[in-house]
Amino acid sequence: MIVNPNLSTHTIKIIPRYIPSNVLTLTITDSTLGTTTKVTPAYSIGGDYKLSLVFDYTFLDESSYQLRLTDDVAQEIVYRGLVIATTQVAQKYKQTANRYNW
């Protein structure tokens, strides 16, 4: 999944392990620095059973993050995954873009 680091509010759609009905906590861990931040996202469930999360976070460009979404009441993991922060177009994403000149 890709997010734009130029934005402060992000909306992502995920396929959860189950449909939650309680308050959720999204734990964001920077894969490089190892720092962890917890946010409480607003969420809604679409007709396609995808969970749409809206949250505020400042991502660093060209960094990767681990996401863990947990149900605060049931103490169950709803979703676990990775996200990459980049300003590149998702269909043309390259890890080495603008880093090497041959």
PDB file of N, CA and C in Angstrom:
ATOM      1  N   MET A   1       0.842  -1.149   0.000  1.00  0.00           N
ATOM      2  CA  MET A   1       0.000   0.000   0.000  1.00  0.00           C
ATOM      3  C   MET A   1       0.900   1.228   0.000  1.00  0.00           C
ATOM      4  N   ILE A   2       0.447   2.274  -0.683  1.00  0.00           N
ATOM      5  CA  ILE A   2       1.254   3.484  -0.818  1.00  0.00           C
ATOM      6  C   ILE A   2       0.482   4.684  -0.284  1.00  0.00           C
ATOM      7  N   VAL A   3       1.182   5.550   0.476  1.00  0.00           N
ATOM      8  CA  VAL A   3       0.602   6.797   0.965  1.00  0.00           C
ATOM      9  C   VAL A   3       1.465   7.962   0.490  1.00  0.00           C
ATOM     10  N   ASN A   4       0.859   9.138   0.385  1.00  0.00           N
ATOM     11  CA  ASN A   4       1.567  10.341  -0.046  1.00  0.00           C
ATOM     12  C   ASN A   4       2.086  11.083   1.185  1.00  0.00           C
ATOM     13  N   PRO A   5       3.406  11.253   1.323  1.00  0.00           N
ATOM     14  CA  PRO A   5       3.957  11.920   2.512  1.00  0.00           C
ATOM     15  C   PRO A   5       3.688  13.424   2.540  1.00  0.00           C
ATOM     16  N   ASN A   6       3.223  14.002   1.428  1.00  0.00           N
ATOM     17  CA  ASN A   6       2.921  15.429   1.403  1.00  0.00           C
ATOM     18  C   ASN A   6       1.591  15.750   2.091  1.00  0.00           C
ATOM     19  N   LEU A   7       0.786  14.733   2.322  1.00  0.00           N
ATOM     20  CA  LEU A   7      -0.505  14.925   2.981  1.00  0.00           C
ATOM     21  C   LEU A   7      -0.374  14.648   4.481  1.00  0.00           C
ATOM     22  N   SER A   8      -1.192  15.309   5.282  1.00  0.00           N
ATOM     23  CA  SER A   8      -1.160  15.039   6.725  1.00  0.00           C
ATOM     24  C   SER A   8      -2.303  14.112   7.134  1.00  0.00           C
ATOM     25  N   THR A   9      -3.414  14.134   6.389  1.00  0.00           N
ATOM     26  CA  THR A   9      -4.533  13.234   6.650  1.00  0.00           C
ATOM     27  C   THR A   9      -4.558  12.157   5.580  1.00  0.00           C
ATOM     28  N   HIS A  10      -4.622  10.915   5.981  1.00  0.00           N
ATOM     29  CA  HIS A  10      -4.545   9.787   5.054  1.00  0.00           C
ATOM     30  C   HIS A  10      -5.805   8.934   5.147  1.00  0.00           C
ATOM     31  N   THR A  11      -6.209   8.389   4.009  1.00  0.00           N
ATOM     32  CA  THR A  11      -7.311   7.438   3.948  1.00  0.00           C
ATOM     33  C   THR A  11      -6.794   6.183   3.269  1.00  0.00           C
ATOM     34  N   ILE A  12      -6.890   5.060   3.950  1.00  0.00           N
ATOM     35  CA  ILE A  12      -6.467   3.789   3.364  1.00  0.00           C
ATOM     36  C   ILE A  12      -7.616   2.795   3.488  1.00  0.00           C
ATOM     37  N   LYS A  13      -7.680   1.879   2.534  1.00  0.00           N
ATOM     38  CA  LYS A  13      -8.690   0.825   2.566  1.00  0.00           C
ATOM     39  C   LYS A  13      -7.988  -0.510   2.721  1.00  0.00           C
ATOM     40  N   ILE A  14      -8.476  -1.297   3.661  1.00  0.00           N
ATOM     41  CA  ILE A  14      -7.861  -2.590   3.955  1.00  0.00           C
ATOM     42  C   ILE A  14      -8.929  -3.677   4.011  1.00  0.00           C
ATOM     43  N   ILE A  15      -8.497  -4.905   3.907  1.00  0.00           N
ATOM     44  CA  ILE A  15      -9.380  -6.042   4.117  1.00  0.00           C
ATOM     45  C   ILE A  15      -9.050  -6.594   5.505  1.00  0.00           C
ATOM     46  N   PRO A  16      -9.946  -6.390   6.477  1.00  0.00           N
ATOM     47  CA  PRO A  16      -9.653  -6.811   7.856  1.00  0.00           C
ATOM     48  C   PRO A  16      -9.824  -8.311   8.053  1.00  0.00           C
ATOM     49  N   ARG A  17      -9.240  -8.816   9.129  1.00  0.00           N
ATOM     50  CA  ARG A  17      -9.405 -10.227   9.495  1.00  0.00           C
ATOM     51  C   ARG A  17     -10.834 -10.510   9.918  1.00  0.00           C
ATOM     52  N   TYR A  18     -11.476  -9.515  10.525  1.00  0.00           N
ATOM     53  CA  TYR A  18     -12.890  -9.607  10.893  1.00  0.00           C
ATOM     54  C   TYR A  18     -13.433  -8.192  10.955  1.00  0.00           C
ATOM     55  N   ILE A  19     -14.755  -8.044  10.986  1.00  0.00           N
ATOM     56  CA  ILE A  19     -15.383  -6.730  11.027  1.00  0.00           C
ATOM     57  C   ILE A  19     -15.468  -6.258  12.488  1.00  0.00           C
ATOM     58  N   PRO A  20     -14.724  -5.208  12.840  1.00  0.00           N
ATOM     59  CA  PRO A  20     -14.727  -4.733  14.234  1.00  0.00           C
ATOM     60  C   PRO A  20     -15.952  -3.864  14.527  1.00  0.00           C
ATOM     61  N   SER A  21     -16.275  -3.743  15.797  1.00  0.00           N
ATOM     62  CA  SER A  21     -17.379  -2.870  16.212  1.00  0.00           C
ATOM     63  C   SER A  21     -16.983  -1.990  17.393  1.00  0.00           C
ATOM     64  N   ASN A  22     -15.704  -1.981  17.723  1.00  0.00           N
ATOM     65  CA  ASN A  22     -15.210  -1.223  18.869  1.00  0.00           C
ATOM     66  C   ASN A  22     -14.227  -0.149  18.409  1.00  0.00           C
ATOM     67  N   VAL A  23     -13.671   0.582  19.379  1.00  0.00           N
ATOM     68  CA  VAL A  23     -12.640   1.577  19.102  1.00  0.00           C
ATOM     69  C   VAL A  23     -11.374   0.849  18.645  1.00  0.00           C
ATOM     70  N   LEU A  24     -10.719   1.387  17.597  1.00  0.00           N
ATOM     71  CA  LEU A  24      -9.508   0.768  17.053  1.00  0.00           C
ATOM     72  C   LEU A  24      -8.288   1.637  17.329  1.00  0.00           C
ATOM     73  N   THR A  25      -7.149   0.992  17.441  1.00  0.00           N
ATOM     74  CA  THR A  25      -5.873   1.692  17.567  1.00  0.00           C
ATOM     75  C   THR A  25      -4.977   1.242  16.433  1.00  0.00           C
ATOM     76  N   LEU A  26      -4.414   2.213  15.706  1.00  0.00           N
ATOM     77  CA  LEU A  26      -3.484   1.935  14.627  1.00  0.00           C
ATOM     78  C   LEU A  26      -2.073   2.230  15.128  1.00  0.00           C
ATOM     79  N   THR A  27      -1.242   1.198  15.158  1.00  0.00           N
ATOM     80  CA  THR A  27       0.152   1.351  15.579  1.00  0.00           C
ATOM     81  C   THR A  27       1.011   1.420  14.327  1.00  0.00           C
ATOM     82  N   ILE A  28       1.742   2.530  14.166  1.00  0.00           N
ATOM     83  CA  ILE A  28       2.586   2.765  12.996  1.00  0.00           C
ATOM     84  C   ILE A  28       4.036   2.694  13.450  1.00  0.00           C
ATOM     85  N   THR A  29       4.801   1.763  12.870  1.00  0.00           N
ATOM     86  CA  THR A  29       6.213   1.595  13.225  1.00  0.00           C
ATOM     87  C   THR A  29       7.072   1.895  12.013  1.00  0.00           C
ATOM     88  N   ASP A  30       7.994   2.843  12.155  1.00  0.00           N
ATOM     89  CA  ASP A  30       8.936   3.163  11.079  1.00  0.00           C
ATOM     90  C   ASP A  30       9.908   2.002  10.955  1.00  0.00           C
ATOM     91  N   SER A  31       9.970   1.372   9.786  1.00  0.00           N
ATOM     92  CA  SER A  31      10.812   0.188   9.588  1.00  0.00           C
ATOM     93  C   SER A  31      12.300   0.502   9.697  1.00  0.00           C
ATOM     94  N   THR A  32      12.700   1.727   9.414  1.00  0.00           N
ATOM     95  CA  THR A  32      14.110   2.098   9.476  1.00  0.00           C
ATOM     96  C   THR A  32      14.525   2.526  10.875  1.00  0.00           C
ATOM     97  N   LEU A  33      13.765   3.440  11.462  1.00  0.00           N
ATOM     98  CA  LEU A  33      14.126   4.000  12.763  1.00  0.00           C
ATOM     99  C   LEU A  33      13.643   3.158  13.936  1.00  0.00           C
ATOM    100  N   GLY A  34      12.594   2.385  13.714  1.00  0.00           N
ATOM    101  CA  GLY A  34      12.055   1.563  14.787  1.00  0.00           C
ATOM    102  C   GLY A  34      11.148   2.315  15.742  1.00  0.00           C
ATOM    103  N   THR A  35      10.830   3.578  15.427  1.00  0.00           N
ATOM    104  CA  THR A  35       9.948   4.362  16.293  1.00  0.00           C
ATOM    105  C   THR A  35       8.498   3.941  16.079  1.00  0.00           C
ATOM    106  N   THR A  36       7.719   3.984  17.138  1.00  0.00           N
ATOM    107  CA  THR A  36       6.325   3.560  17.089  1.00  0.00           C
ATOM    108  C   THR A  36       5.418   4.688  17.541  1.00  0.00           C
ATOM    109  N   THR A  37       4.321   4.875  16.805  1.00  0.00           N
ATOM    110  CA  THR A  37       3.320   5.879  17.134  1.00  0.00           C
ATOM    111  C   THR A  37       1.944   5.218  17.096  1.00  0.00           C
ATOM    112  N   LYS A  38       1.095   5.547  18.067  1.00  0.00           N
ATOM    113  CA  LYS A  38      -0.267   5.015  18.090  1.00  0.00           C
ATOM    114  C   LYS A  38      -1.242   6.135  17.790  1.00  0.00           C
ATOM    115  N   VAL A  39      -2.170   5.876  16.872  1.00  0.00           N
ATOM    116  CA  VAL A  39      -3.215   6.831  16.526  1.00  0.00           C
ATOM    117  C   VAL A  39      -4.567   6.116  16.586  1.00  0.00           C
ATOM    118  N   THR A  40      -5.617   6.898  16.776  1.00  0.00           N
ATOM    119  CA  THR A  40      -6.971   6.347  16.783  1.00  0.00           C
ATOM    120  C   THR A  40      -7.659   6.796  15.502  1.00  0.00           C
ATOM    121  N   PRO A  41      -7.797   5.887  14.528  1.00  0.00           N
ATOM    122  CA  PRO A  41      -8.397   6.275  13.250  1.00  0.00           C
ATOM    123  C   PRO A  41      -9.925   6.270  13.308  1.00  0.00           C
ATOM    124  N   ALA A  42     -10.514   7.104  12.459  1.00  0.00           N
ATOM    125  CA  ALA A  42     -11.960   6.996  12.214  1.00  0.00           C
ATOM    126  C   ALA A  42     -12.099   5.910  11.160  1.00  0.00           C
ATOM    127  N   TYR A  43     -13.154   5.107  11.237  1.00  0.00           N
ATOM    128  CA  TYR A  43     -13.290   4.036  10.256  1.00  0.00           C
ATOM    129  C   TYR A  43     -14.735   3.823   9.849  1.00  0.00           C
ATOM    130  N   SER A  44     -14.883   3.269   8.655  1.00  0.00           N
ATOM    131  CA  SER A  44     -16.201   2.886   8.159  1.00  0.00           C
ATOM    132  C   SER A  44     -16.019   1.623   7.327  1.00  0.00           C
ATOM    133  N   ILE A  45     -17.106   0.868   7.204  1.00  0.00           N
ATOM    134  CA  ILE A  45     -17.070  -0.381   6.447  1.00  0.00           C
ATOM    135  C   ILE A  45     -17.899  -0.194   5.190  1.00  0.00           C
ATOM    136  N   GLY A  46     -17.285  -0.453   4.030  1.00  0.00           N
ATOM    137  CA  GLY A  46     -17.978  -0.292   2.765  1.00  0.00           C
ATOM    138  C   GLY A  46     -18.764  -1.533   2.386  1.00  0.00           C
ATOM    139  N   GLY A  47     -19.510  -1.422   1.292  1.00  0.00           N
ATOM    140  CA  GLY A  47     -20.295  -2.539   0.796  1.00  0.00           C
ATOM    141  C   GLY A  47     -19.445  -3.693   0.311  1.00  0.00           C
ATOM    142  N   ASP A  48     -18.157  -3.424   0.032  1.00  0.00           N
ATOM    143  CA  ASP A  48     -17.240  -4.474  -0.410  1.00  0.00           C
ATOM    144  C   ASP A  48     -16.488  -5.096   0.771  1.00  0.00           C
ATOM    145  N   TYR A  49     -16.947  -4.818   1.987  1.00  0.00           N
ATOM    146  CA  TYR A  49     -16.365  -5.328   3.240  1.00  0.00           C
ATOM    147  C   TYR A  49     -14.940  -4.842   3.477  1.00  0.00           C
ATOM    148  N   LYS A  50     -14.539  -3.787   2.789  1.00  0.00           N
ATOM    149  CA  LYS A  50     -13.244  -3.175   3.071  1.00  0.00           C
ATOM    150  C   LYS A  50     -13.426  -2.149   4.171  1.00  0.00           C
ATOM    151  N   LEU A  51     -12.429  -2.062   5.009  1.00  0.00           N
ATOM    152  CA  LEU A  51     -12.431  -1.127   6.118  1.00  0.00           C
ATOM    153  C   LEU A  51     -11.685   0.119   5.663  1.00  0.00           C
ATOM    154  N   SER A  52     -12.338   1.256   5.683  1.00  0.00           N
ATOM    155  CA  SER A  52     -11.726   2.522   5.277  1.00  0.00           C
ATOM    156  C   SER A  52     -11.286   3.262   6.540  1.00  0.00           C
ATOM    157  N   LEU A  53      -9.999   3.509   6.652  1.00  0.00           N
ATOM    158  CA  LEU A  53      -9.436   4.193   7.821  1.00  0.00           C
ATOM    159  C   LEU A  53      -9.018   5.606   7.446  1.00  0.00           C
ATOM    160  N   VAL A  54      -9.338   6.572   8.286  1.00  0.00           N
ATOM    161  CA  VAL A  54      -8.912   7.956   8.101  1.00  0.00           C
ATOM    162  C   VAL A  54      -8.145   8.349   9.356  1.00  0.00           C
ATOM    163  N   PHE A  55      -6.900   8.818   9.163  1.00  0.00           N
ATOM    164  CA  PHE A  55      -6.063   9.176  10.312  1.00  0.00           C
ATOM    165  C   PHE A  55      -5.053  10.243   9.926  1.00  0.00           C
ATOM    166  N   ASP A  56      -4.514  10.925  10.918  1.00  0.00           N
ATOM    167  CA  ASP A  56      -3.485  11.946  10.726  1.00  0.00           C
ATOM    168  C   ASP A  56      -2.134  11.387  11.140  1.00  0.00           C
ATOM    169  N   TYR A  57      -1.161  11.526  10.247  1.00  0.00           N
ATOM    170  CA  TYR A  57       0.202  11.089  10.550  1.00  0.00           C
ATOM    171  C   TYR A  57       1.137  11.730   9.528  1.00  0.00           C
ATOM    172  N   THR A  58       2.346  12.069   9.956  1.00  0.00           N
ATOM    173  CA  THR A  58       3.343  12.644   9.055  1.00  0.00           C
ATOM    174  C   THR A  58       4.338  11.568   8.665  1.00  0.00           C
ATOM    175  N   PHE A  59       4.206  11.064   7.439  1.00  0.00           N
ATOM    176  CA  PHE A  59       5.116  10.049   6.913  1.00  0.00           C
ATOM    177  C   PHE A  59       6.318  10.741   6.274  1.00  0.00           C
ATOM    178  N   LEU A  60       7.474  10.079   6.311  1.00  0.00           N
ATOM    179  CA  LEU A  60       8.680  10.575   5.643  1.00  0.00           C
ATOM    180  C   LEU A  60       8.754   9.987   4.245  1.00  0.00           C
ATOM    181  N   ASP A  61       9.140  10.808   3.275  1.00  0.00           N
ATOM    182  CA  ASP A  61       9.217  10.370   1.884  1.00  0.00           C
ATOM    183  C   ASP A  61      10.236   9.237   1.717  1.00  0.00           C
ATOM    184  N   GLU A  62       9.875   8.259   0.912  1.00  0.00           N
ATOM    185  CA  GLU A  62      10.700   7.088   0.592  1.00  0.00           C
ATOM    186  C   GLU A  62      11.024   6.245   1.833  1.00  0.00           C
ATOM    187  N   SER A  63      10.076   6.150   2.731  1.00  0.00           N
ATOM    188  CA  SER A  63      10.235   5.321   3.929  1.00  0.00           C
ATOM    189  C   SER A  63       9.155   4.249   3.943  1.00  0.00           C
ATOM    190  N   SER A  64       9.433   3.174   4.674  1.00  0.00           N
ATOM    191  CA  SER A  64       8.441   2.108   4.804  1.00  0.00           C
ATOM    192  C   SER A  64       8.021   1.996   6.270  1.00  0.00           C
ATOM    193  N   TYR A  65       6.791   1.565   6.458  1.00  0.00           N
ATOM    194  CA  TYR A  65       6.200   1.497   7.786  1.00  0.00           C
ATOM    195  C   TYR A  65       5.426   0.202   7.951  1.00  0.00           C
ATOM    196  N   GLN A  66       5.385  -0.300   9.162  1.00  0.00           N
ATOM    197  CA  GLN A  66       4.565  -1.455   9.497  1.00  0.00           C
ATOM    198  C   GLN A  66       3.301  -0.934  10.181  1.00  0.00           C
ATOM    199  N   LEU A  67       2.149  -1.457   9.778  1.00  0.00           N
ATOM    200  CA  LEU A  67       0.881  -1.064  10.383  1.00  0.00           C
ATOM    201  C   LEU A  67       0.297  -2.236  11.160  1.00  0.00           C
ATOM    202  N   ARG A  68      -0.242  -1.949  12.337  1.00  0.00           N
ATOM    203  CA  ARG A  68      -0.946  -2.964  13.108  1.00  0.00           C
ATOM    204  C   ARG A  68      -2.202  -2.306  13.667  1.00  0.00           C
ATOM    205  N   LEU A  69      -3.351  -2.808  13.255  1.00  0.00           N
ATOM    206  CA  LEU A  69      -4.628  -2.282  13.694  1.00  0.00           C
ATOM    207  C   LEU A  69      -5.215  -3.247  14.714  1.00  0.00           C
ATOM    208  N   THR A  70      -5.516  -2.749  15.913  1.00  0.00           N
ATOM    209  CA  THR A  70      -6.035  -3.612  16.973  1.00  0.00           C
ATOM    210  C   THR A  70      -7.363  -3.095  17.499  1.00  0.00           C
ATOM    211  N   ASP A  71      -8.186  -4.024  17.929  1.00  0.00           N
ATOM    212  CA  ASP A  71      -9.469  -3.737  18.567  1.00  0.00           C
ATOM    213  C   ASP A  71      -9.181  -3.501  20.040  1.00  0.00           C
ATOM    214  N   ASP A  72      -9.503  -2.309  20.552  1.00  0.00           N
ATOM    215  CA  ASP A  72      -9.171  -1.963  21.937  1.00  0.00           C
ATOM    216  C   ASP A  72      -9.916  -2.800  22.967  1.00  0.00           C
ATOM    217  N   VAL A  73     -11.133  -3.213  22.673  1.00  0.00           N
ATOM    218  CA  VAL A  73     -11.929  -3.967  23.641  1.00  0.00           C
ATOM    219  C   VAL A  73     -11.565  -5.450  23.610  1.00  0.00           C
ATOM    220  N   ALA A  74     -11.566  -6.035  22.423  1.00  0.00           N
ATOM    221  CA  ALA A  74     -11.291  -7.473  22.300  1.00  0.00           C
ATOM    222  C   ALA A  74      -9.795  -7.795  22.361  1.00  0.00           C
ATOM    223  N   GLN A  75      -8.936  -6.781  22.234  1.00  0.00           N
ATOM    224  CA  GLN A  75      -7.482  -6.968  22.223  1.00  0.00           C
ATOM    225  C   GLN A  75      -7.057  -7.953  21.126  1.00  0.00           C
ATOM    226  N   GLU A  76      -7.717  -7.864  19.972  1.00  0.00           N
ATOM    227  CA  GLU A  76      -7.420  -8.724  18.825  1.00  0.00           C
ATOM    228  C   GLU A  76      -6.815  -7.879  17.711  1.00  0.00           C
ATOM    229  N   ILE A  77      -5.937  -8.497  16.914  1.00  0.00           N
ATOM    230  CA  ILE A  77      -5.368  -7.813  15.753  1.00  0.00           C
ATOM    231  C   ILE A  77      -6.375  -7.895  14.611  1.00  0.00           C
ATOM    232  N   VAL A  78      -6.774  -6.730  14.113  1.00  0.00           N
ATOM    233  CA  VAL A  78      -7.734  -6.649  13.017  1.00  0.00           C
ATOM    234  C   VAL A  78      -7.015  -6.692  11.670  1.00  0.00           C
ATOM    235  N   TYR A  79      -5.814  -6.097  11.614  1.00  0.00           N
ATOM    236  CA  TYR A  79      -5.058  -6.035  10.360  1.00  0.00           C
ATOM    237  C   TYR A  79      -3.584  -5.818  10.675  1.00  0.00           C
ATOM    238  N   ARG A  80      -2.748  -6.390   9.839  1.00  0.00           N
ATOM    239  CA  ARG A  80      -1.311  -6.163   9.922  1.00  0.00           C
ATOM    240  C   ARG A  80      -0.785  -6.067   8.506  1.00  0.00           C
ATOM    241  N   GLY A  81       0.042  -5.062   8.216  1.00  0.00           N
ATOM    242  CA  GLY A  81       0.549  -4.907   6.862  1.00  0.00           C
ATOM    243  C   GLY A  81       1.651  -3.873   6.778  1.00  0.00           C
ATOM    244  N   LEU A  82       2.078  -3.588   5.551  1.00  0.00           N
ATOM    245  CA  LEU A  82       3.149  -2.635   5.281  1.00  0.00           C
ATOM    246  C   LEU A  82       2.633  -1.490   4.431  1.00  0.00           C
ATOM    247  N   VAL A  83       3.254  -0.343   4.583  1.00  0.00           N
ATOM    248  CA  VAL A  83       2.923   0.818   3.769  1.00  0.00           C
ATOM    249  C   VAL A  83       4.227   1.517   3.384  1.00  0.00           C
ATOM    250  N   ILE A  84       4.258   2.055   2.169  1.00  0.00           N
ATOM    251  CA  ILE A  84       5.410   2.812   1.682  1.00  0.00           C
ATOM    252  C   ILE A  84       4.959   4.243   1.442  1.00  0.00           C
ATOM    253  N   ALA A  85       5.737   5.200   1.916  1.00  0.00           N
ATOM    254  CA  ALA A  85       5.432   6.611   1.711  1.00  0.00           C
ATOM    255  C   ALA A  85       6.270   7.122   0.546  1.00  0.00           C
ATOM    256  N   THR A  86       5.600   7.584  -0.505  1.00  0.00           N
ATOM    257  CA  THR A  86       6.299   8.100  -1.676  1.00  0.00           C
ATOM    258  C   THR A  86       5.415   9.074  -2.433  1.00  0.00           C
ATOM    259  N   THR A  87       6.052   9.989  -3.154  1.00  0.00           N
ATOM    260  CA  THR A  87       5.313  10.922  -3.993  1.00  0.00           C
ATOM    261  C   THR A  87       5.249  10.418  -5.434  1.00  0.00           C
ATOM    262  N   GLN A  88       5.862   9.274  -5.712  1.00  0.00           N
ATOM    263  CA  GLN A  88       5.820   8.700  -7.053  1.00  0.00           C
ATOM    264  C   GLN A  88       4.437   8.143  -7.354  1.00  0.00           C
ATOM    265  N   VAL A  89       4.106   8.078  -8.637  1.00  0.00           N
ATOM    266  CA  VAL A  89       2.843   7.466  -9.051  1.00  0.00           C
ATOM    267  C   VAL A  89       2.931   5.972  -8.765  1.00  0.00           C
ATOM    268  N   ALA A  90       1.895   5.420  -8.154  1.00  0.00           N
ATOM    269  CA  ALA A  90       1.917   4.027  -7.714  1.00  0.00           C
ATOM    270  C   ALA A  90       2.216   3.043  -8.846  1.00  0.00           C
ATOM    271  N   GLN A  91       1.690   3.273 -10.044  1.00  0.00           N
ATOM    272  CA  GLN A  91       1.886   2.335 -11.151  1.00  0.00           C
ATOM    273  C   GLN A  91       3.301   2.381 -11.706  1.00  0.00           C
ATOM    274  N   LYS A  92       4.043   3.465 -11.435  1.00  0.00           N
ATOM    275  CA  LYS A  92       5.405   3.614 -11.966  1.00  0.00           C
ATOM    276  C   LYS A  92       6.440   3.682 -10.850  1.00  0.00           C
ATOM    277  N   TYR A  93       6.128   3.157  -9.696  1.00  0.00           N
ATOM    278  CA  TYR A  93       7.004   3.234  -8.534  1.00  0.00           C
ATOM    279  C   TYR A  93       8.286   2.446  -8.749  1.00  0.00           C
ATOM    280  N   LYS A  94       9.429   3.072  -8.422  1.00  0.00           N
ATOM    281  CA  LYS A  94      10.732   2.423  -8.447  1.00  0.00           C
ATOM    282  C   LYS A  94      11.468   2.810  -7.173  1.00  0.00           C
ATOM    283  N   GLN A  95      12.066   1.830  -6.513  1.00  0.00           N
ATOM    284  CA  GLN A  95      12.782   2.113  -5.275  1.00  0.00           C
ATOM    285  C   GLN A  95      13.997   2.992  -5.494  1.00  0.00           C
ATOM    286  N   THR A  96      14.598   2.917  -6.667  1.00  0.00           N
ATOM    287  CA  THR A  96      15.821   3.679  -6.928  1.00  0.00           C
ATOM    288  C   THR A  96      15.595   4.920  -7.763  1.00  0.00           C
ATOM    289  N   ALA A  97      14.356   5.385  -7.880  1.00  0.00           N
ATOM    290  CA  ALA A  97      14.071   6.585  -8.675  1.00  0.00           C
ATOM    291  C   ALA A  97      14.811   7.792  -8.106  1.00  0.00           C
ATOM    292  N   ASN A  98      15.493   8.533  -8.979  1.00  0.00           N
ATOM    293  CA  ASN A  98      16.225   9.749  -8.636  1.00  0.00           C
ATOM    294  C   ASN A  98      17.375   9.508  -7.651  1.00  0.00           C
ATOM    295  N   ARG A  99      17.867   8.290  -7.564  1.00  0.00           N
ATOM    296  CA  ARG A  99      18.991   8.005  -6.667  1.00  0.00           C
ATOM    297  C   ARG A  99      20.281   7.733  -7.412  1.00  0.00           C
ATOM    298  N   TYR A 100      20.172   7.105  -8.578  1.00  0.00           N
ATOM    299  CA  TYR A 100      21.362   6.762  -9.343  1.00  0.00           C
ATOM    300  C   TYR A 100      21.251   7.335 -10.741  1.00  0.00           C
ATOM    301  N   ASN A 101      22.332   7.922 -11.216  1.00  0.00           N
ATOM    302  CA  ASN A 101      22.396   8.425 -12.586  1.00  0.00           C
ATOM    303  C   ASN A 101      23.464   7.638 -13.322  1.00  0.00           C
ATOM    304  N   TRP A 102      23.084   6.962 -14.381  1.00  0.00           N
ATOM    305  CA  TRP A 102      24.030   6.141 -15.133  1.00  0.00           C
ATOM    306  C   TRP A 102      24.504   6.873 -16.360  1.00  0.00           C
TER     307      TRP A 102
END
